[in-house]
């Protein structure tokens, strides 16, 4: 059952046009896990541990910063897409064509 839920979740992300956002979130999660592993691998000497940690923070922070910028851009695009979809839906609802009422099989009122 978990495989089906995973597939359904992936399909939903793709159907909504959010596959790239999902990939970015997965990457951020992977970076977080890598950082936690790095913390566990620090030297026992506090001074050396702080120095190593600061270097790893700098490198990881650069990668996470890049991902954050990408996520912000994706979020903005998503907002614009949602607004456009809502506007199109409203316009279609307001301008819905009347059903054809021609008694013959060939339409004469929508020609």
Protein backbone atom coordinates (compact mmCIF):
# COMPACT_ATOMS: atom_id res chain seq x y z
CA UNK A 1 0.00 0.00 0.00
CA UNK A 2 2.78 2.55 0.71
CA UNK A 3 4.02 2.13 -2.88
CA UNK A 4 0.56 3.03 -4.24
CA UNK A 5 0.39 6.09 -1.95
CA UNK A 6 3.85 7.15 -3.15
CA UNK A 7 2.80 6.75 -6.77
CA UNK A 8 -0.41 8.65 -6.18
CA UNK A 9 1.50 11.44 -4.46
CA UNK A 10 4.00 11.66 -7.31
CA UNK A 11 1.19 11.72 -9.85
CA UNK A 12 -0.56 14.50 -7.95
CA UNK A 13 2.60 16.64 -7.84
CA UNK A 14 3.08 16.13 -11.59
CA UNK A 15 -0.58 16.74 -12.41
CA UNK A 16 -0.44 20.09 -10.62
CA UNK A 17 2.76 21.05 -12.40
CA UNK A 18 4.78 20.91 -9.19
CA UNK A 19 7.26 18.18 -10.06
CA UNK A 20 10.22 20.59 -9.96
CA UNK A 21 9.09 21.96 -6.60
CA UNK A 22 8.91 18.41 -5.25
CA UNK A 23 12.43 17.71 -6.54
CA UNK A 24 13.74 20.87 -4.86
CA UNK A 25 12.09 19.96 -1.55
CA UNK A 26 13.61 16.48 -1.77
CA UNK A 27 17.04 18.01 -2.37
CA UNK A 28 16.65 20.33 0.63
CA UNK A 29 15.71 17.33 2.78
CA UNK A 30 18.78 15.45 1.54
CA UNK A 31 21.00 18.44 2.39
CA UNK A 32 19.50 18.51 5.88
CA UNK A 33 20.24 14.84 6.40
CA UNK A 34 23.80 15.30 5.10
CA UNK A 35 24.32 18.16 7.56
CA UNK A 36 23.16 15.99 10.45
CA UNK A 37 25.60 13.27 9.36
CA UNK A 38 28.35 15.90 9.23
CA UNK A 39 27.56 16.94 12.80
CA UNK A 40 27.96 13.36 13.96
CA UNK A 41 31.34 13.15 12.19
CA UNK A 42 32.94 16.20 13.84
CA UNK A 43 36.26 15.80 15.66
CA UNK A 44 36.21 15.37 19.44
CA UNK A 45 38.31 18.52 20.02
CA UNK A 46 35.90 21.44 20.45
CA UNK A 47 38.11 23.98 18.62
CA UNK A 48 38.64 21.62 15.68
CA UNK A 49 34.96 20.71 15.67
CA UNK A 50 33.93 24.39 15.52
CA UNK A 51 36.36 25.07 12.68
CA UNK A 52 35.19 22.06 10.69
CA UNK A 53 31.56 22.90 11.41
CA UNK A 54 31.96 26.49 10.23
CA UNK A 55 33.48 25.30 6.95
CA UNK A 56 30.70 22.77 6.42
CA UNK A 57 28.07 25.38 7.30
CA UNK A 58 29.54 27.74 4.73
CA UNK A 59 29.45 25.10 1.99
CA UNK A 60 26.05 23.73 2.91
CA UNK A 61 24.63 27.22 3.38
CA UNK A 62 25.65 28.15 -0.14
CA UNK A 63 23.84 25.12 -1.56
CA UNK A 64 20.75 25.70 0.60
CA UNK A 65 20.71 29.37 -0.35
CA UNK A 66 20.64 28.43 -4.01
CA UNK A 67 17.77 26.03 -3.38
CA UNK A 68 15.86 28.64 -1.37
CA UNK A 69 16.10 31.10 -4.26
CA UNK A 70 14.87 28.41 -6.65
CA UNK A 71 11.97 27.55 -4.34
CA UNK A 72 11.02 31.22 -4.07
CA UNK A 73 10.98 31.56 -7.85
CA UNK A 74 8.90 28.40 -8.18
CA UNK A 75 6.45 29.63 -5.54
CA UNK A 76 6.04 32.93 -7.39
CA UNK A 77 5.43 31.09 -10.67
CA UNK A 78 2.88 28.88 -8.93
CA UNK A 79 1.02 31.93 -7.60
CA UNK A 80 0.96 33.48 -11.08
CA UNK A 81 -0.24 30.22 -12.64
CA UNK A 82 -3.00 29.84 -10.04
CA UNK A 83 -4.16 33.41 -10.60
CA UNK A 84 -4.20 32.88 -14.36
CA UNK A 85 -6.15 29.63 -13.99
CA UNK A 86 -8.70 31.35 -11.74
CA UNK A 87 -9.11 34.22 -14.23
CA UNK A 88 -9.59 31.82 -17.14
CA UNK A 89 -12.09 29.76 -15.14
CA UNK A 90 -14.07 32.90 -14.23
CA UNK A 91 -14.05 34.10 -17.85
CA UNK A 92 -15.22 30.69 -19.09
CA UNK A 93 -17.99 30.61 -16.48
CA UNK A 94 -19.13 34.12 -17.43
CA UNK A 95 -19.03 33.48 -21.18
CA UNK A 96 -20.34 29.93 -21.25
CA UNK A 97 -21.93 29.23 -24.64
CA UNK A 98 -25.63 28.48 -24.72
CA UNK A 99 -26.45 24.92 -25.69
CA UNK A 100 -27.43 24.37 -29.32
CA UNK A 101 -31.18 24.12 -29.75
CA UNK A 102 -31.32 23.39 -33.46
CA UNK A 103 -33.97 20.74 -34.19
CA UNK A 104 -31.97 19.33 -37.08
CA UNK A 105 -28.70 17.43 -36.95
CA UNK A 106 -26.92 20.34 -38.63
CA UNK A 107 -26.48 23.37 -36.41
CA UNK A 108 -27.87 26.57 -37.92
CA UNK A 109 -27.56 28.89 -34.93
CA UNK A 110 -23.81 28.61 -34.36
CA UNK A 111 -22.58 28.85 -37.91
